[in-house]
Amino acid sequence: MKLFTYILSLVALGFVIYNFTKVNFEAPFKEESITALITIFAGLCAIILLSIVRVSKTIEQRKKLSKKH
């Protein structure tokens, strides 16, 4: 699961970087730039959500270890 979340985070980061190159900074809310901005936002949200999943899994594992002792 941990490897899967890291791979998805890298894919999302790739989308963010790729779409950052597609933004026209002179008119960021026109045509193709708005799509790129939305995709950048979605990629960042995915990275945050995957980070939350990793942290929650870590907490779950630590909780299981503390119950054993």
PDB file of N, CA and C in Angstrom:
ATOM      1  N   MET A   1       0.826  -1.192   0.000  1.00  0.00           N
ATOM      2  CA  MET A   1       0.000   0.000   0.000  1.00  0.00           C
ATOM      3  C   MET A   1       0.874   1.261   0.000  1.00  0.00           C
ATOM      4  N   LYS A   2       1.953   1.196   0.760  1.00  0.00           N
ATOM      5  CA  LYS A   2       2.839   2.346   0.853  1.00  0.00           C
ATOM      6  C   LYS A   2       3.481   2.661  -0.500  1.00  0.00           C
ATOM      7  N   LEU A   3       3.929   1.627  -1.181  1.00  0.00           N
ATOM      8  CA  LEU A   3       4.536   1.804  -2.501  1.00  0.00           C
ATOM      9  C   LEU A   3       3.510   2.351  -3.493  1.00  0.00           C
ATOM     10  N   PHE A   4       2.291   1.841  -3.422  1.00  0.00           N
ATOM     11  CA  PHE A   4       1.214   2.284  -4.310  1.00  0.00           C
ATOM     12  C   PHE A   4       0.940   3.773  -4.127  1.00  0.00           C
ATOM     13  N   THR A   5       0.900   4.254  -2.887  1.00  0.00           N
ATOM     14  CA  THR A   5       0.632   5.676  -2.650  1.00  0.00           C
ATOM     15  C   THR A   5       1.798   6.537  -3.127  1.00  0.00           C
ATOM     16  N   TYR A   6       3.024   6.037  -3.001  1.00  0.00           N
ATOM     17  CA  TYR A   6       4.169   6.796  -3.504  1.00  0.00           C
ATOM     18  C   TYR A   6       4.148   6.887  -5.030  1.00  0.00           C
ATOM     19  N   ILE A   7       3.787   5.791  -5.682  1.00  0.00           N
ATOM     20  CA  ILE A   7       3.720   5.802  -7.144  1.00  0.00           C
ATOM     21  C   ILE A   7       2.637   6.764  -7.618  1.00  0.00           C
ATOM     22  N   LEU A   8       1.455   6.720  -6.982  1.00  0.00           N
ATOM     23  CA  LEU A   8       0.387   7.639  -7.360  1.00  0.00           C
ATOM     24  C   LEU A   8       0.769   9.091  -7.088  1.00  0.00           C
ATOM     25  N   SER A   9       1.510   9.321  -6.021  1.00  0.00           N
ATOM     26  CA  SER A   9       1.968  10.680  -5.729  1.00  0.00           C
ATOM     27  C   SER A   9       2.930  11.174  -6.811  1.00  0.00           C
ATOM     28  N   LEU A  10       3.794  10.307  -7.276  1.00  0.00           N
ATOM     29  CA  LEU A  10       4.718  10.685  -8.353  1.00  0.00           C
ATOM     30  C   LEU A  10       3.972  10.960  -9.654  1.00  0.00           C
ATOM     31  N   VAL A  11       2.943  10.171  -9.941  1.00  0.00           N
ATOM     32  CA  VAL A  11       2.141  10.412 -11.143  1.00  0.00           C
ATOM     33  C   VAL A  11       1.434  11.752 -11.031  1.00  0.00           C
ATOM     34  N   ALA A  12       0.854  12.033  -9.859  1.00  0.00           N
ATOM     35  CA  ALA A  12       0.174  13.316  -9.651  1.00  0.00           C
ATOM     36  C   ALA A  12       1.164  14.471  -9.765  1.00  0.00           C
ATOM     37  N   LEU A  13       2.363  14.305  -9.227  1.00  0.00           N
ATOM     38  CA  LEU A  13       3.379  15.342  -9.339  1.00  0.00           C
ATOM     39  C   LEU A  13       3.777  15.554 -10.802  1.00  0.00           C
ATOM     40  N   GLY A  14       3.836  14.468 -11.563  1.00  0.00           N
ATOM     41  CA  GLY A  14       4.120  14.584 -12.987  1.00  0.00           C
ATOM     42  C   GLY A  14       3.046  15.384 -13.713  1.00  0.00           C
ATOM     43  N   PHE A  15       1.770  15.137 -13.363  1.00  0.00           N
ATOM     44  CA  PHE A  15       0.679  15.915 -13.946  1.00  0.00           C
ATOM     45  C   PHE A  15       0.794  17.396 -13.583  1.00  0.00           C
ATOM     46  N   VAL A  16       1.146  17.661 -12.341  1.00  0.00           N
ATOM     47  CA  VAL A  16       1.285  19.052 -11.902  1.00  0.00           C
ATOM     48  C   VAL A  16       2.391  19.749 -12.696  1.00  0.00           C
ATOM     49  N   ILE A  17       3.522  19.112 -12.804  1.00  0.00           N
ATOM     50  CA  ILE A  17       4.654  19.716 -13.514  1.00  0.00           C
ATOM     51  C   ILE A  17       4.323  19.904 -14.993  1.00  0.00           C
ATOM     52  N   TYR A  18       3.739  18.889 -15.611  1.00  0.00           N
ATOM     53  CA  TYR A  18       3.392  18.984 -17.030  1.00  0.00           C
ATOM     54  C   TYR A  18       2.398  20.124 -17.272  1.00  0.00           C
ATOM     55  N   ASN A  19       1.369  20.204 -16.459  1.00  0.00           N
ATOM     56  CA  ASN A  19       0.357  21.231 -16.671  1.00  0.00           C
ATOM     57  C   ASN A  19       0.848  22.620 -16.294  1.00  0.00           C
ATOM     58  N   PHE A  20       1.840  22.687 -15.425  1.00  0.00           N
ATOM     59  CA  PHE A  20       2.437  23.986 -15.101  1.00  0.00           C
ATOM     60  C   PHE A  20       3.087  24.595 -16.340  1.00  0.00           C
ATOM     61  N   THR A  21       3.612  23.730 -17.201  1.00  0.00           N
ATOM     62  CA  THR A  21       4.221  24.228 -18.437  1.00  0.00           C
ATOM     63  C   THR A  21       3.172  24.685 -19.449  1.00  0.00           C
ATOM     64  N   LYS A  22       1.934  24.242 -19.289  1.00  0.00           N
ATOM     65  CA  LYS A  22       0.855  24.587 -20.221  1.00  0.00           C
ATOM     66  C   LYS A  22       0.135  25.889 -19.864  1.00  0.00           C
ATOM     67  N   VAL A  23       0.417  26.454 -18.695  1.00  0.00           N
ATOM     68  CA  VAL A  23      -0.263  27.675 -18.259  1.00  0.00           C
ATOM     69  C   VAL A  23       0.328  28.877 -18.985  1.00  0.00           C
ATOM     70  N   ASN A  24      -0.540  29.684 -19.558  1.00  0.00           N
ATOM     71  CA  ASN A  24      -0.137  30.949 -20.161  1.00  0.00           C
ATOM     72  C   ASN A  24      -0.265  32.012 -19.068  1.00  0.00           C
ATOM     73  N   PHE A  25       0.846  32.490 -18.558  1.00  0.00           N
ATOM     74  CA  PHE A  25       0.814  33.395 -17.415  1.00  0.00           C
ATOM     75  C   PHE A  25       0.341  34.802 -17.776  1.00  0.00           C
ATOM     76  N   GLU A  26       0.250  35.089 -19.040  1.00  0.00           N
ATOM     77  CA  GLU A  26      -0.278  36.390 -19.469  1.00  0.00           C
ATOM     78  C   GLU A  26      -1.806  36.387 -19.454  1.00  0.00           C
ATOM     79  N   ALA A  27      -2.400  35.207 -19.615  1.00  0.00           N
ATOM     80  CA  ALA A  27      -3.861  35.059 -19.551  1.00  0.00           C
ATOM     81  C   ALA A  27      -4.172  33.726 -18.879  1.00  0.00           C
ATOM     82  N   PRO A  28      -3.988  33.633 -17.550  1.00  0.00           N
ATOM     83  CA  PRO A  28      -4.103  32.334 -16.876  1.00  0.00           C
ATOM     84  C   PRO A  28      -5.525  31.771 -16.802  1.00  0.00           C
ATOM     85  N   PHE A  29      -6.549  32.587 -17.035  1.00  0.00           N
ATOM     86  CA  PHE A  29      -7.920  32.102 -16.932  1.00  0.00           C
ATOM     87  C   PHE A  29      -8.623  32.037 -18.281  1.00  0.00           C
ATOM     88  N   LYS A  30      -7.872  31.840 -19.322  1.00  0.00           N
ATOM     89  CA  LYS A  30      -8.436  31.729 -20.673  1.00  0.00           C
ATOM     90  C   LYS A  30      -8.077  30.380 -21.276  1.00  0.00           C
ATOM     91  N   GLU A  31      -8.994  29.826 -22.031  1.00  0.00           N
ATOM     92  CA  GLU A  31      -8.842  28.636 -22.858  1.00  0.00           C
ATOM     93  C   GLU A  31      -8.105  27.486 -22.185  1.00  0.00           C
ATOM     94  N   GLU A  32      -6.942  27.130 -22.719  1.00  0.00           N
ATOM     95  CA  GLU A  32      -6.216  25.955 -22.243  1.00  0.00           C
ATOM     96  C   GLU A  32      -5.604  26.169 -20.856  1.00  0.00           C
ATOM     97  N   SER A  33      -5.339  27.406 -20.492  1.00  0.00           N
ATOM     98  CA  SER A  33      -4.706  27.681 -19.207  1.00  0.00           C
ATOM     99  C   SER A  33      -5.606  27.332 -18.037  1.00  0.00           C
ATOM    100  N   ILE A  34      -6.894  27.561 -18.165  1.00  0.00           N
ATOM    101  CA  ILE A  34      -7.800  27.252 -17.060  1.00  0.00           C
ATOM    102  C   ILE A  34      -7.871  25.746 -16.830  1.00  0.00           C
ATOM    103  N   THR A  35      -7.823  24.979 -17.910  1.00  0.00           N
ATOM    104  CA  THR A  35      -7.804  23.514 -17.781  1.00  0.00           C
ATOM    105  C   THR A  35      -6.522  23.066 -17.083  1.00  0.00           C
ATOM    106  N   ALA A  36      -5.428  23.681 -17.440  1.00  0.00           N
ATOM    107  CA  ALA A  36      -4.154  23.349 -16.797  1.00  0.00           C
ATOM    108  C   ALA A  36      -4.182  23.718 -15.320  1.00  0.00           C
ATOM    109  N   LEU A  37      -4.756  24.855 -14.980  1.00  0.00           N
ATOM    110  CA  LEU A  37      -4.837  25.259 -13.574  1.00  0.00           C
ATOM    111  C   LEU A  37      -5.721  24.308 -12.769  1.00  0.00           C
ATOM    112  N   ILE A  38      -6.824  23.883 -13.356  1.00  0.00           N
ATOM    113  CA  ILE A  38      -7.709  22.937 -12.674  1.00  0.00           C
ATOM    114  C   ILE A  38      -6.998  21.606 -12.455  1.00  0.00           C
ATOM    115  N   THR A  39      -6.252  21.159 -13.450  1.00  0.00           N
ATOM    116  CA  THR A  39      -5.525  19.899 -13.326  1.00  0.00           C
ATOM    117  C   THR A  39      -4.394  20.014 -12.307  1.00  0.00           C
ATOM    118  N   ILE A  40      -3.745  21.157 -12.241  1.00  0.00           N
ATOM    119  CA  ILE A  40      -2.712  21.377 -11.217  1.00  0.00           C
ATOM    120  C   ILE A  40      -3.337  21.295  -9.834  1.00  0.00           C
ATOM    121  N   PHE A  41      -4.471  21.952  -9.658  1.00  0.00           N
ATOM    122  CA  PHE A  41      -5.168  21.920  -8.371  1.00  0.00           C
ATOM    123  C   PHE A  41      -5.581  20.492  -8.013  1.00  0.00           C
ATOM    124  N   ALA A  42      -6.109  19.746  -8.980  1.00  0.00           N
ATOM    125  CA  ALA A  42      -6.523  18.368  -8.735  1.00  0.00           C
ATOM    126  C   ALA A  42      -5.323  17.483  -8.369  1.00  0.00           C
ATOM    127  N   GLY A  43      -4.206  17.691  -9.039  1.00  0.00           N
ATOM    128  CA  GLY A  43      -3.002  16.926  -8.721  1.00  0.00           C
ATOM    129  C   GLY A  43      -2.489  17.215  -7.329  1.00  0.00           C
ATOM    130  N   LEU A  44      -2.521  18.479  -6.941  1.00  0.00           N
ATOM    131  CA  LEU A  44      -2.091  18.837  -5.583  1.00  0.00           C
ATOM    132  C   LEU A  44      -3.028  18.250  -4.536  1.00  0.00           C
ATOM    133  N   CYS A  45      -4.330  18.248  -4.822  1.00  0.00           N
ATOM    134  CA  CYS A  45      -5.296  17.628  -3.911  1.00  0.00           C
ATOM    135  C   CYS A  45      -5.029  16.131  -3.771  1.00  0.00           C
ATOM    136  N   ALA A  46      -4.718  15.471  -4.883  1.00  0.00           N
ATOM    137  CA  ALA A  46      -4.415  14.042  -4.847  1.00  0.00           C
ATOM    138  C   ALA A  46      -3.172  13.768  -4.002  1.00  0.00           C
ATOM    139  N   ILE A  47      -2.169  14.600  -4.139  1.00  0.00           N
ATOM    140  CA  ILE A  47      -0.946  14.429  -3.343  1.00  0.00           C
ATOM    141  C   ILE A  47      -1.248  14.592  -1.857  1.00  0.00           C
ATOM    142  N   ILE A  48      -2.057  15.582  -1.509  1.00  0.00           N
ATOM    143  CA  ILE A  48      -2.422  15.797  -0.108  1.00  0.00           C
ATOM    144  C   ILE A  48      -3.217  14.614   0.432  1.00  0.00           C
ATOM    145  N   LEU A  49      -4.194  14.127  -0.340  1.00  0.00           N
ATOM    146  CA  LEU A  49      -4.991  12.989   0.107  1.00  0.00           C
ATOM    147  C   LEU A  49      -4.143  11.724   0.277  1.00  0.00           C
ATOM    148  N   LEU A  50      -3.225  11.497  -0.629  1.00  0.00           N
ATOM    149  CA  LEU A  50      -2.355  10.326  -0.508  1.00  0.00           C
ATOM    150  C   LEU A  50      -1.421  10.455   0.695  1.00  0.00           C
ATOM    151  N   SER A  51      -0.999  11.663   1.007  1.00  0.00           N
ATOM    152  CA  SER A  51      -0.179  11.878   2.201  1.00  0.00           C
ATOM    153  C   SER A  51      -0.985  11.577   3.461  1.00  0.00           C
ATOM    154  N   ILE A  52      -2.243  11.972   3.466  1.00  0.00           N
ATOM    155  CA  ILE A  52      -3.117  11.683   4.610  1.00  0.00           C
ATOM    156  C   ILE A  52      -3.296  10.177   4.783  1.00  0.00           C
ATOM    157  N   VAL A  53      -3.450   9.458   3.669  1.00  0.00           N
ATOM    158  CA  VAL A  53      -3.586   7.994   3.740  1.00  0.00           C
ATOM    159  C   VAL A  53      -2.329   7.375   4.327  1.00  0.00           C
ATOM    160  N   ARG A  54      -1.147   7.846   3.886  1.00  0.00           N
ATOM    161  CA  ARG A  54       0.106   7.296   4.424  1.00  0.00           C
ATOM    162  C   ARG A  54       0.233   7.556   5.919  1.00  0.00           C
ATOM    163  N   VAL A  55      -0.122   8.757   6.353  1.00  0.00           N
ATOM    164  CA  VAL A  55      -0.030   9.090   7.779  1.00  0.00           C
ATOM    165  C   VAL A  55      -1.021   8.253   8.581  1.00  0.00           C
ATOM    166  N   SER A  56      -2.232   8.074   8.071  1.00  0.00           N
ATOM    167  CA  SER A  56      -3.221   7.288   8.806  1.00  0.00           C
ATOM    168  C   SER A  56      -2.800   5.826   8.907  1.00  0.00           C
ATOM    169  N   LYS A  57      -2.180   5.293   7.849  1.00  0.00           N
ATOM    170  CA  LYS A  57      -1.678   3.912   7.914  1.00  0.00           C
ATOM    171  C   LYS A  57      -0.546   3.789   8.938  1.00  0.00           C
ATOM    172  N   THR A  58       0.312   4.794   9.014  1.00  0.00           N
ATOM    173  CA  THR A  58       1.389   4.784   9.998  1.00  0.00           C
ATOM    174  C   THR A  58       0.819   4.809  11.412  1.00  0.00           C
ATOM    175  N   ILE A  59      -0.185   5.643  11.638  1.00  0.00           N
ATOM    176  CA  ILE A  59      -0.825   5.710  12.953  1.00  0.00           C
ATOM    177  C   ILE A  59      -1.476   4.373  13.294  1.00  0.00           C
ATOM    178  N   GLU A  60      -2.127   3.759  12.313  1.00  0.00           N
ATOM    179  CA  GLU A  60      -2.778   2.472  12.527  1.00  0.00           C
ATOM    180  C   GLU A  60      -1.763   1.401  12.912  1.00  0.00           C
ATOM    181  N   GLN A  61      -0.612   1.385  12.243  1.00  0.00           N
ATOM    182  CA  GLN A  61       0.419   0.404  12.570  1.00  0.00           C
ATOM    183  C   GLN A  61       0.983   0.632  13.966  1.00  0.00           C
ATOM    184  N   ARG A  62       1.211   1.877  14.330  1.00  0.00           N
ATOM    185  CA  ARG A  62       1.730   2.178  15.671  1.00  0.00           C
ATOM    186  C   ARG A  62       0.717   1.814  16.748  1.00  0.00           C
ATOM    187  N   LYS A  63      -0.544   1.990  16.457  1.00  0.00           N
ATOM    188  CA  LYS A  63      -1.589   1.645  17.411  1.00  0.00           C
ATOM    189  C   LYS A  63      -1.631   0.131  17.634  1.00  0.00           C
ATOM    190  N   LYS A  64      -1.474  -0.634  16.554  1.00  0.00           N
ATOM    191  CA  LYS A  64      -1.453  -2.085  16.669  1.00  0.00           C
ATOM    192  C   LYS A  64      -0.249  -2.562  17.477  1.00  0.00           C
ATOM    193  N   LEU A  65       0.913  -1.903  17.262  1.00  0.00           N
ATOM    194  CA  LEU A  65       2.111  -2.278  18.014  1.00  0.00           C
ATOM    195  C   LEU A  65       1.963  -1.965  19.499  1.00  0.00           C
ATOM    196  N   SER A  66       1.320  -0.855  19.821  1.00  0.00           N
ATOM    197  CA  SER A  66       1.163  -0.491  21.230  1.00  0.00           C
ATOM    198  C   SER A  66       0.185  -1.406  21.941  1.00  0.00           C
ATOM    199  N   LYS A  67      -0.782  -1.990  21.238  1.00  0.00           N
ATOM    200  CA  LYS A  67      -1.721  -2.928  21.834  1.00  0.00           C
ATOM    201  C   LYS A  67      -1.057  -4.261  22.125  1.00  0.00           C
ATOM    202  N   LYS A  68      -0.047  -4.640  21.337  1.00  0.00           N
ATOM    203  CA  LYS A  68       0.645  -5.908  21.545  1.00  0.00           C
ATOM    204  C   LYS A  68       1.508  -5.882  22.800  1.00  0.00           C
ATOM    205  N   HIS A  69       2.029  -4.724  23.137  1.00  0.00           N
ATOM    206  CA  HIS A  69       2.928  -4.633  24.296  1.00  0.00           C
ATOM    207  C   HIS A  69       2.187  -4.296  25.506  1.00  0.00           C
TER     208      HIS A  69
END
